[in-house]
């Protein structure tokens, strides 16, 4: 929810976006010049006195939202990349300095002289991360955390468990919030509308397959639990996630448990980073087809693999990319049809 604090009384504004459906109502009070803007974000109020001109985004998901809003000229740094940027954002992204491919130090971020910092994950702005939000705000730098990583979760400092399934509404809220902070409301409404239309275009897919989503690690693999971005993908294509009985977002499971559930299809994340064995697609497939447990899986014997980027499996605008890729992959495998 967004509130602009100034002279006028609060009014209720409903922004329509895509397919004739309204976005969530947003309460706004605005003064003569539209600032300061106050955003209710993850249990705290973020106050921005003017449209940021030197923003730093600390995670790929947040970066791609800001680039999609046309804010490259107001960004002075990005960090923590798991995959190449979306093709349609590559030109704008090339104009923004990369502070670090992985987690930057606080000193590196401050050297960029930011007037605003955003992140996709609570762990980035918490203990063990770049710095917690209080530290930035004590330095006069407002911070924004993606609602997808604080709403309906037991913890905002790691993958953790979800008390409520992630939905795309959290991403639409993030877009709307950032559009208000940067005073690009129309761009925000257009982006939300486009994402809604793309989700709707896949909603006619019908399939009855069981699938599993493998993110990384061959020794203690991270497979998707019920309630993160992978849940949105599975629901959109009418499939069932074989690990939907755990509320952990990315539980580490045994290969024996994967074999017991024997998914029809494996969705494999191809990460550009190389920090854990099993990040790359090639490593994943080589392991699956050589390990005595996994090579007996139905999906492996039938080579039913659907490849996505790692970022597609994180709650972000890329979740819609993941939906489209999985729907297309199921069709190519002959496992999906129109509802």
Protein backbone atom coordinates (compact mmCIF):
# COMPACT_ATOMS: atom_id res chain seq x y z
CA UNK A 1 0.00 0.00 0.00
CA UNK A 2 1.27 3.45 -0.93
CA UNK A 3 0.57 6.72 0.86
CA UNK A 4 1.74 10.11 -0.31
CA UNK A 5 1.93 12.50 2.61
CA UNK A 6 1.05 16.12 2.02
CA UNK A 7 -1.76 18.63 2.14
CA UNK A 8 -4.58 16.77 0.44
CA UNK A 9 -6.92 14.29 2.11
CA UNK A 10 -6.40 10.61 1.36
CA UNK A 11 -8.34 9.27 -1.58
CA UNK A 12 -8.79 5.75 -2.91
CA UNK A 13 -7.34 5.18 -6.34
CA UNK A 14 -8.00 2.02 -8.35
CA UNK A 15 -5.52 1.40 -11.14
CA UNK A 16 -6.81 -0.86 -13.88
CA UNK A 17 -4.28 -3.04 -15.60
CA UNK A 18 -4.76 -5.59 -18.33
CA UNK A 19 -7.82 -7.68 -19.32
CA UNK A 20 -10.18 -5.26 -17.65
CA UNK A 21 -9.30 -6.44 -14.15
CA UNK A 22 -8.38 -3.94 -11.44
CA UNK A 23 -5.14 -4.07 -9.54
CA UNK A 24 -5.30 -3.98 -5.75
CA UNK A 25 -6.62 -0.64 -4.46
CA UNK A 26 -3.87 1.79 -3.50
CA UNK A 27 -4.48 4.52 -0.89
CA UNK A 28 -2.73 7.74 -1.89
CA UNK A 29 -2.51 11.24 -0.45
CA UNK A 30 -0.58 13.74 -2.52
CA UNK A 31 0.60 17.30 -2.12
CA UNK A 32 1.36 19.92 -4.71
CA UNK A 33 4.54 18.29 -5.95
CA UNK A 34 3.82 14.62 -5.19
CA UNK A 35 6.59 14.22 -2.61
CA UNK A 36 7.45 13.04 -0.07
CA UNK A 37 6.18 9.54 -0.87
CA UNK A 38 5.67 7.03 1.93
CA UNK A 39 5.34 3.34 1.13
CA UNK A 40 4.24 0.70 3.63
CA UNK A 41 6.80 -2.02 2.94
CA UNK A 42 7.40 -5.24 4.88
CA UNK A 43 6.33 -3.83 8.22
CA UNK A 44 7.99 -0.44 7.96
CA UNK A 45 7.40 2.87 6.26
CA UNK A 46 9.78 3.91 3.52
CA UNK A 47 9.89 7.68 3.06
CA UNK A 48 11.33 9.15 -0.14
CA UNK A 49 11.62 12.94 -0.27
CA UNK A 50 12.23 13.13 -4.02
CA UNK A 51 12.39 10.81 -7.00
CA UNK A 52 15.64 8.79 -6.58
CA UNK A 53 18.43 9.64 -9.02
CA UNK A 54 21.16 7.28 -7.79
CA UNK A 55 19.46 3.97 -7.08
CA UNK A 56 21.26 0.69 -6.39
CA UNK A 57 19.54 -2.66 -6.85
CA UNK A 58 21.09 -5.53 -4.92
CA UNK A 59 19.35 -8.51 -6.58
CA UNK A 60 18.58 -9.47 -10.15
CA UNK A 61 14.81 -9.58 -9.65
CA UNK A 62 14.67 -6.04 -8.32
CA UNK A 63 17.05 -4.85 -11.03
CA UNK A 64 14.86 -6.22 -13.79
CA UNK A 65 11.76 -4.57 -12.36
CA UNK A 66 13.53 -1.21 -12.29
CA UNK A 67 14.91 -1.65 -15.80
CA UNK A 68 11.45 -2.64 -17.03
CA UNK A 69 10.16 0.64 -15.60
CA UNK A 70 12.70 2.52 -17.72
CA UNK A 71 14.85 3.61 -14.79
CA UNK A 72 18.34 2.79 -16.10
CA UNK A 73 19.30 6.47 -16.15
CA UNK A 74 18.51 6.69 -12.43
CA UNK A 75 20.55 3.64 -11.40
CA UNK A 76 24.20 3.66 -10.34
CA UNK A 77 24.72 -0.01 -9.55
CA UNK A 78 23.45 -3.59 -9.63
CA UNK A 79 24.58 -6.78 -7.92
CA UNK A 80 23.90 -10.48 -7.27
CA UNK A 81 23.27 -11.97 -10.70
CA UNK A 82 22.34 -15.63 -11.22
CA UNK A 83 21.62 -15.35 -14.95
CA UNK A 84 22.05 -13.03 -17.92
CA UNK A 85 19.62 -10.14 -17.92
CA UNK A 86 16.46 -10.49 -20.02
CA UNK A 87 17.21 -9.84 -23.69
CA UNK A 88 14.79 -6.93 -23.89
CA UNK A 89 16.60 -5.21 -21.01
CA UNK A 90 20.18 -5.86 -22.13
CA UNK A 91 20.78 -2.47 -23.75
CA UNK A 92 19.58 -0.52 -20.72
CA UNK A 93 21.35 -2.85 -18.31
CA UNK A 94 24.67 -2.25 -20.08
CA UNK A 95 24.43 1.41 -19.03
CA UNK A 96 24.34 0.54 -15.31
CA UNK A 97 27.57 -0.39 -13.47
CA UNK A 98 27.75 -3.89 -11.99
CA UNK A 99 29.01 -3.42 -8.44
CA UNK A 100 29.42 -7.17 -7.92
CA UNK A 101 28.24 -10.32 -9.67
CA UNK A 102 27.55 -11.80 -6.26
CA UNK A 103 26.96 -10.01 -2.94
CA UNK A 104 28.77 -6.64 -2.75
CA UNK A 105 30.30 -5.21 0.39
CA UNK A 106 28.60 -2.31 2.12
CA UNK A 107 31.61 -0.15 1.26
CA UNK A 108 31.21 -0.94 -2.44
CA UNK A 109 27.57 0.05 -2.34
CA UNK A 110 28.25 3.27 -0.46
CA UNK A 111 31.03 4.20 -2.88
CA UNK A 112 28.30 4.47 -5.53
CA UNK A 113 26.67 7.20 -3.39
CA UNK A 114 23.14 5.77 -3.60
CA UNK A 115 20.05 7.71 -2.63
CA UNK A 116 17.87 4.56 -2.71
CA UNK A 117 18.55 0.81 -2.35
CA UNK A 118 16.25 -2.03 -3.34
CA UNK A 119 16.51 -5.80 -2.91
CA UNK A 120 14.55 -8.92 -3.77
CA UNK A 121 15.55 -10.97 -0.73
CA UNK A 122 15.44 -10.23 2.97
CA UNK A 123 18.77 -11.96 3.42
CA UNK A 124 20.39 -9.27 1.28
CA UNK A 125 19.19 -6.55 3.66
CA UNK A 126 19.60 -8.57 6.85
CA UNK A 127 22.19 -10.37 8.99
CA UNK A 128 24.92 -11.77 6.80
CA UNK A 129 23.80 -9.65 3.87
CA UNK A 130 25.13 -6.36 2.54
CA UNK A 131 23.74 -4.49 5.58
CA UNK A 132 20.43 -4.41 7.38
CA UNK A 133 17.83 -1.82 6.55
CA UNK A 134 18.38 0.13 9.75
CA UNK A 135 22.03 0.64 8.83
CA UNK A 136 21.16 2.09 5.44
CA UNK A 137 18.46 4.29 6.85
CA UNK A 138 20.80 5.59 9.56
CA UNK A 139 22.99 6.71 6.66
CA UNK A 140 20.05 8.50 5.07
CA UNK A 141 19.46 5.89 2.34
CA UNK A 142 15.86 4.61 2.02
CA UNK A 143 15.52 0.89 1.28
CA UNK A 144 12.82 -1.21 -0.35
CA UNK A 145 12.36 -4.99 -0.03
CA UNK A 146 10.27 -7.01 -2.47
CA UNK A 147 6.96 -7.92 -0.78
CA UNK A 148 7.33 -11.45 -2.20
CA UNK A 149 10.06 -12.10 0.36
CA UNK A 150 8.31 -10.81 3.46
CA UNK A 151 4.60 -11.42 3.02
CA UNK A 152 3.38 -14.87 4.01
CA UNK A 153 6.81 -16.09 5.18
CA UNK A 154 8.06 -17.33 8.53
CA UNK A 155 11.37 -15.49 8.03
CA UNK A 156 12.62 -12.71 5.77
CA UNK A 157 16.28 -13.63 6.15
CA UNK A 158 16.39 -16.79 4.07
CA UNK A 159 14.40 -19.19 1.89
CA UNK A 160 12.47 -20.46 4.92
CA UNK A 161 8.86 -21.61 4.85
CA UNK A 162 5.79 -19.83 3.58
CA UNK A 163 2.63 -19.53 5.61
CA UNK A 164 0.78 -18.48 2.45
CA UNK A 165 1.55 -19.37 -1.17
CA UNK A 166 3.32 -16.73 -3.24
CA UNK A 167 1.13 -15.16 -5.90
CA UNK A 168 1.88 -12.73 -8.68
CA UNK A 169 0.00 -10.05 -6.74
CA UNK A 170 3.19 -9.56 -4.70
CA UNK A 171 5.08 -8.72 -7.89
CA UNK A 172 2.34 -6.38 -9.05
CA UNK A 173 2.57 -4.62 -5.69
CA UNK A 174 6.35 -4.29 -6.02
CA UNK A 175 6.00 -2.77 -9.47
CA UNK A 176 3.31 -0.36 -8.31
CA UNK A 177 5.33 0.68 -5.25
CA UNK A 178 8.50 1.34 -7.23
CA UNK A 179 6.53 3.17 -9.91
CA UNK A 180 5.18 5.48 -7.18
CA UNK A 181 8.60 6.01 -5.60
CA UNK A 182 10.10 6.99 -8.96
CA UNK A 183 6.97 8.80 -10.20
CA UNK A 184 6.50 6.57 -13.25
CA UNK A 185 2.93 5.46 -12.52
CA UNK A 186 1.90 4.91 -16.15
CA UNK A 187 4.91 2.69 -16.83
CA UNK A 188 4.04 0.66 -13.76
CA UNK A 189 0.44 0.16 -14.87
CA UNK A 190 1.60 -0.85 -18.36
CA UNK A 191 4.07 -3.39 -16.97
CA UNK A 192 1.48 -4.94 -14.65
CA UNK A 193 -0.99 -5.12 -17.52
CA UNK A 194 1.53 -6.85 -19.77
CA UNK A 195 2.39 -9.45 -17.12
CA UNK A 196 -1.31 -10.14 -16.49
CA UNK A 197 -1.96 -10.64 -20.20
CA UNK A 198 0.96 -13.06 -20.49
CA UNK A 199 -0.26 -15.07 -17.49
CA UNK A 200 -3.76 -15.18 -18.94
CA UNK A 201 -2.44 -16.45 -22.28
CA UNK A 202 -1.08 -19.57 -20.55
CA UNK A 203 -4.10 -20.23 -18.34
CA UNK A 204 -5.69 -22.37 -21.05
CA UNK A 205 -2.99 -25.04 -20.79
CA UNK A 206 -4.16 -28.42 -19.44
CA UNK A 207 -1.90 -31.22 -18.25
CA UNK A 208 -2.00 -33.92 -15.60
CA UNK A 209 1.72 -34.49 -15.10
CA UNK A 210 3.75 -34.63 -11.91
CA UNK A 211 6.86 -32.49 -12.06
CA UNK A 212 9.80 -31.49 -9.88
CA UNK A 213 11.85 -28.29 -10.00
CA UNK A 214 15.59 -28.71 -9.40
CA UNK A 215 17.43 -25.47 -8.71
CA UNK A 216 20.97 -26.55 -7.80
CA UNK A 217 23.36 -28.83 -5.84
CA UNK A 218 23.97 -32.49 -6.65
CA UNK A 219 24.83 -33.69 -3.14
CA UNK A 220 21.86 -32.28 -1.21
CA UNK A 221 19.74 -30.91 -4.03
CA UNK A 222 17.48 -27.91 -3.69
CA UNK A 223 14.04 -28.80 -5.03
CA UNK A 224 11.07 -26.44 -4.99
CA UNK A 225 8.52 -26.80 -2.22
CA UNK A 226 4.87 -25.96 -2.52
CA UNK A 227 4.55 -22.29 -2.23
CA UNK A 228 7.13 -20.23 -4.11
CA UNK A 229 7.39 -19.19 -7.75
CA UNK A 230 7.42 -22.84 -8.83
CA UNK A 231 3.96 -23.22 -7.30
CA UNK A 232 2.70 -20.41 -9.52
CA UNK A 233 4.25 -22.12 -12.54
CA UNK A 234 2.80 -25.55 -11.72
CA UNK A 235 -0.66 -24.11 -11.08
CA UNK A 236 -0.61 -22.08 -14.29
CA UNK A 237 0.06 -25.16 -16.43
CA UNK A 238 -2.22 -27.50 -14.48
CA UNK A 239 0.62 -29.70 -13.19
CA UNK A 240 1.46 -31.00 -9.72
CA UNK A 241 4.75 -30.34 -7.93
CA UNK A 242 5.78 -33.64 -6.32
CA UNK A 243 7.16 -31.74 -3.32
CA UNK A 244 4.03 -29.67 -2.76
CA UNK A 245 3.67 -31.25 0.69
CA UNK A 246 6.44 -29.06 2.14
CA UNK A 247 6.01 -25.37 2.85
CA UNK A 248 9.77 -24.76 2.66
CA UNK A 249 10.48 -22.67 -0.39
CA UNK A 250 13.64 -24.58 -1.37
CA UNK A 251 14.03 -27.70 0.80
CA UNK A 252 17.17 -29.77 0.44
CA UNK A 253 16.01 -33.32 -0.24
CA UNK A 254 17.58 -36.72 -0.85
CA UNK A 255 17.74 -38.35 -4.24
CA UNK A 256 15.93 -41.33 -2.73
CA UNK A 257 12.96 -39.08 -1.94
CA UNK A 258 12.98 -37.83 -5.53
CA UNK A 259 13.00 -41.44 -6.74
CA UNK A 260 10.08 -42.32 -4.46
CA UNK A 261 8.00 -39.54 -5.99
CA UNK A 262 9.26 -40.27 -9.53
CA UNK A 263 8.14 -37.13 -11.40
CA UNK A 264 7.02 -37.37 -15.02
CA UNK A 265 8.97 -34.20 -15.89
CA UNK A 266 12.01 -32.46 -14.42
CA UNK A 267 12.24 -28.68 -14.66
CA UNK A 268 15.95 -27.87 -14.57
CA UNK A 269 17.39 -24.46 -13.73
CA UNK A 270 20.41 -23.48 -15.83
CA UNK A 271 22.32 -20.96 -13.71
CA UNK A 272 25.08 -18.83 -15.18
CA UNK A 273 26.78 -18.65 -11.78
CA UNK A 274 29.20 -21.46 -10.89
CA UNK A 275 29.27 -21.47 -7.09
CA UNK A 276 27.70 -24.88 -6.37
CA UNK A 277 28.17 -28.17 -8.20
CA UNK A 278 24.95 -28.55 -10.11
CA UNK A 279 24.45 -24.91 -11.06
CA UNK A 280 24.79 -25.56 -14.79
CA UNK A 281 22.38 -27.52 -16.98
CA UNK A 282 25.18 -29.72 -18.30
CA UNK A 283 26.21 -30.76 -14.79
CA UNK A 284 22.62 -31.53 -13.86
CA UNK A 285 21.96 -33.75 -16.87
CA UNK A 286 25.30 -35.54 -16.57
CA UNK A 287 24.53 -36.34 -12.94
CA UNK A 288 20.95 -37.45 -13.60
CA UNK A 289 21.98 -39.83 -16.36
CA UNK A 290 24.93 -41.38 -14.51
CA UNK A 291 23.82 -41.64 -10.88
CA UNK A 292 22.44 -45.13 -10.11
CA UNK A 293 19.40 -43.69 -8.31
CA UNK A 294 18.45 -40.87 -10.63
CA UNK A 295 19.02 -42.64 -13.93
CA UNK A 296 16.02 -44.86 -13.13
CA UNK A 297 13.67 -41.90 -12.84
CA UNK A 298 10.88 -41.88 -15.42
CA UNK A 299 11.72 -38.31 -16.42
CA UNK A 300 15.37 -39.25 -16.96
CA UNK A 301 14.67 -42.44 -18.90
CA UNK A 302 12.29 -40.49 -21.15
CA UNK A 303 14.58 -37.42 -21.17
CA UNK A 304 11.66 -35.23 -20.18
CA UNK A 305 13.60 -32.12 -19.25
CA UNK A 306 12.32 -28.57 -19.40
CA UNK A 307 15.02 -25.91 -19.07
CA UNK A 308 14.51 -22.55 -17.40
CA UNK A 309 16.84 -19.87 -16.08
CA UNK A 310 17.48 -19.86 -12.36
CA UNK A 311 15.93 -16.41 -12.10
CA UNK A 312 12.69 -17.80 -13.57
CA UNK A 313 12.21 -19.81 -10.36
CA UNK A 314 12.56 -16.83 -8.03
CA UNK A 315 9.52 -14.65 -7.29
CA UNK A 316 9.94 -11.84 -9.82
CA UNK A 317 8.75 -10.68 -13.21
CA UNK A 318 10.76 -13.66 -14.50
CA UNK A 319 8.19 -16.01 -12.93
CA UNK A 320 6.05 -15.26 -15.98
CA UNK A 321 8.97 -16.30 -18.21
CA UNK A 322 9.07 -19.56 -16.27
CA UNK A 323 5.35 -20.12 -16.79
CA UNK A 324 5.71 -19.60 -20.54
CA UNK A 325 8.78 -21.84 -20.83
CA UNK A 326 7.23 -24.70 -18.88
CA UNK A 327 3.97 -24.47 -20.83
CA UNK A 328 5.91 -24.51 -24.11
CA UNK A 329 8.08 -27.40 -22.91
CA UNK A 330 5.06 -29.49 -21.95
CA UNK A 331 3.55 -28.91 -25.37
CA UNK A 332 6.79 -29.92 -27.08
CA UNK A 333 6.83 -33.10 -25.00
CA UNK A 334 3.24 -33.83 -26.03
CA UNK A 335 2.03 -33.57 -22.45
CA UNK A 336 -0.23 -30.53 -22.63
CA UNK A 337 -3.28 -29.38 -24.51
CA UNK A 338 -5.83 -26.56 -24.40
CA UNK A 339 -8.40 -26.62 -21.64
